C-alpha atoms as a PDB file:
ATOM      1  CA  MET A   1     -76.029  91.884  62.275  1.00  0.00           C
ATOM      2  CA  ALA A   2     -76.400  95.869  62.992  1.00  0.00           C
ATOM      3  CA  THR A   3     -74.273  97.857  63.922  1.00  0.00           C
ATOM      4  CA  ILE A   4     -74.756 100.471  66.520  1.00  0.00           C
ATOM      5  CA  ALA A   5     -72.507 103.529  65.625  1.00  0.00           C
ATOM      6  CA  ARG A   6     -70.997 105.129  69.616  1.00  0.00           C
ATOM      7  CA  ARG A   7     -71.841 108.829  69.739  1.00  0.00           C
ATOM      8  CA  LEU A   8     -69.352 110.381  70.476  1.00  0.00           C
ATOM      9  CA  SER A   9     -69.791 113.977  72.690  1.00  0.00           C
ATOM     10  CA  PRO A  10     -68.966 117.606  70.139  1.00  0.00           C
ATOM     11  CA  ALA A  11     -65.574 117.977  72.417  1.00  0.00           C
ATOM     12  CA  ARG A  12     -64.301 114.106  71.532  1.00  0.00           C
ATOM     13  CA  TRP A  13     -65.746 114.364  68.132  1.00  0.00           C
ATOM     14  CA  ARG A  14     -63.703 117.783  67.720  1.00  0.00           C
ATOM     15  CA  ALA A  15     -60.507 116.481  68.815  1.00  0.00           C
ATOM     16  CA  GLN A  16     -60.816 113.337  66.424  1.00  0.00           C
ATOM     17  CA  ILE A  17     -61.145 116.074  63.386  1.00  0.00           C
ATOM     18  CA  VAL A  18     -58.005 117.724  64.661  1.00  0.00           C
ATOM     19  CA  ARG A  19     -56.005 114.775  65.136  1.00  0.00           C
ATOM     20  CA  ARG A  20     -56.870 113.350  61.551  1.00  0.00           C
ATOM     21  CA  SER A  21     -56.045 116.351  60.436  1.00  0.00           C
ATOM     22  CA  LEU A  22     -53.024 116.348  62.145  1.00  0.00           C
ATOM     23  CA  ALA A  23     -51.935 112.947  61.022  1.00  0.00           C
ATOM     24  CA  LYS A  24     -52.797 113.525  57.441  1.00  0.00           C
ATOM     25  CA  SER A  25     -50.528 117.147  57.253  1.00  0.00           C
ATOM     26  CA  CYS A  26     -47.623 115.016  58.596  1.00  0.00           C
ATOM     27  CA  GLY A  27     -47.928 111.796  56.852  1.00  0.00           C
ATOM     28  CA  GLY A  28     -49.654 109.842  58.640  1.00  0.00           C
ATOM     29  CA  ALA A  29     -47.702 110.031  61.483  1.00  0.00           C
ATOM     30  CA  HIS A  30     -49.178 109.812  65.219  1.00  0.00           C
ATOM     31  CA  ILE A  31     -48.757 112.956  67.202  1.00  0.00           C
ATOM     32  CA  PRO A  32     -50.054 112.636  70.694  1.00  0.00           C
ATOM     33  CA  LEU A  33     -52.300 115.648  71.979  1.00  0.00           C
ATOM     34  CA  MET A  34     -52.025 117.017  75.225  1.00  0.00           C
ATOM     35  CA  PRO A  35     -55.378 118.420  76.570  1.00  0.00           C
ATOM     36  CA  ASP A  36     -54.895 121.850  78.549  1.00  0.00           C
ATOM     37  CA  LYS A  37     -54.562 121.484  82.531  1.00  0.00           C
ATOM     38  CA  ARG A  38     -57.564 124.226  83.636  1.00  0.00           C
ATOM     39  CA  TYR A  39     -55.971 124.302  87.301  1.00  0.00           C
ATOM     40  CA  THR A  40     -52.352 123.697  88.436  1.00  0.00           C
ATOM     41  CA  LYS A  41     -51.571 123.445  92.163  1.00  0.00           C
ATOM     42  CA  SER A  42     -50.501 126.927  92.652  1.00  0.00           C
ATOM     43  CA  ASN A  43     -53.997 128.794  91.524  1.00  0.00           C
ATOM     44  CA  LEU A  44     -56.389 126.814  93.764  1.00  0.00           C
ATOM     45  CA  PRO A  45     -58.230 129.141  96.371  1.00  0.00           C
ATOM     46  CA  GLU A  46     -56.986 128.032  99.914  1.00  0.00           C
ATOM     47  CA  LYS A  47     -58.533 128.038 103.158  1.00  0.00           C
ATOM     48  CA  ILE A  48     -57.389 127.253 106.693  1.00  0.00           C
ATOM     49  CA  CYS A  49     -58.665 125.230 108.495  1.00  0.00           C
ATOM     50  CA  ALA A  50     -61.310 125.558 111.680  1.00  0.00           C
ATOM     51  CA  ALA A  51     -59.890 122.437 113.494  1.00  0.00           C
ATOM     52  CA  CYS A  52     -56.540 121.568 113.035  1.00  0.00           C
ATOM     53  CA  GLY A  53     -54.759 125.038 111.949  1.00  0.00           C
ATOM     54  CA  ARG A  54     -53.251 123.989 108.352  1.00  0.00           C
ATOM     55  CA  PRO A  55     -54.471 125.637 104.954  1.00  0.00           C
ATOM     56  CA  PHE A  56     -55.628 122.674 102.750  1.00  0.00           C
ATOM     57  CA  ALA A  57     -56.592 123.789  98.809  1.00  0.00           C
ATOM     58  CA  TRP A  58     -59.412 123.608  96.760  1.00  0.00           C
ATOM     59  CA  ARG A  59     -60.903 120.292  95.749  1.00  0.00           C
ATOM     60  CA  LYS A  60     -63.002 119.314  92.413  1.00  0.00           C
ATOM     61  CA  LYS A  61     -65.254 117.493  95.520  1.00  0.00           C
ATOM     62  CA  TRP A  62     -65.932 120.659  96.920  1.00  0.00           C
ATOM     63  CA  ALA A  63     -66.890 123.245  93.651  1.00  0.00           C
ATOM     64  CA  ARG A  64     -70.505 123.450  95.027  1.00  0.00           C
ATOM     65  CA  ASP A  65     -69.936 123.248  98.434  1.00  0.00           C
ATOM     66  CA  TRP A  66     -66.814 125.657  98.911  1.00  0.00           C
ATOM     67  CA  ASP A  67     -68.064 128.226 100.758  1.00  0.00           C
ATOM     68  CA  ASN A  68     -69.611 126.185 103.418  1.00  0.00           C
ATOM     69  CA  VAL A  69     -65.915 123.928 103.489  1.00  0.00           C
ATOM     70  CA  LYS A  70     -64.774 124.598 106.717  1.00  0.00           C
ATOM     71  CA  THR A  71     -62.472 121.485 107.622  1.00  0.00           C
ATOM     72  CA  CYS A  72     -59.473 120.002 105.858  1.00  0.00           C
ATOM     73  CA  SER A  73     -60.972 116.257 106.418  1.00  0.00           C
ATOM     74  CA  GLU A  74     -63.242 113.972 107.976  1.00  0.00           C
ATOM     75  CA  ARG A  75     -61.473 113.795 110.934  1.00  0.00           C
ATOM     76  CA  CYS A  76     -60.900 117.119 111.281  1.00  0.00           C
ATOM     77  CA  LYS A  77     -65.094 117.623 111.087  1.00  0.00           C
ATOM     78  CA  GLY A  78     -65.165 115.382 113.589  1.00  0.00           C
ATOM     79  CA  ASP A  79     -63.064 116.779 116.713  1.00  0.00           C
ATOM     80  CA  LEU A  80     -64.201 120.129 115.614  1.00  0.00           C
ATOM     81  CA  ARG A  81     -67.705 118.381 116.181  1.00  0.00           C
ATOM     82  CA  ALA A  82     -66.766 117.000 119.010  1.00  0.00           C
ATOM     83  CA  ARG A  83     -64.837 120.125 120.795  1.00  0.00           C
ATOM     84  CA  ASN A  84     -68.372 122.356 120.079  1.00  0.00           C
ATOM     85  CA  ARG A  85     -70.342 119.657 122.223  1.00  0.00           C
ATOM     86  CA  SER A  86     -68.033 119.959 125.332  1.00  0.00           C
ATOM     87  CA  ALA A  87     -67.860 123.607 124.925  1.00  0.00           C
END
């Protein structure tokens, strides 16, 4: 039976190389590597919700459409639409 080699992304491949070299330099001890966090709560952009007036922070799912996001939730979006319909 032939074995199928799994292809690794370049980032994962580099991470494996680094882990192996660290393990060799430390006598084979396992050293977990913590990835650097790209974002923290303190440096995310914020907006004010058009429906409820509360601040809300950027989410990854809004990355492509952040300029068009006006409300903090689906509920607020529905409230804003209902308010605009009745006006």
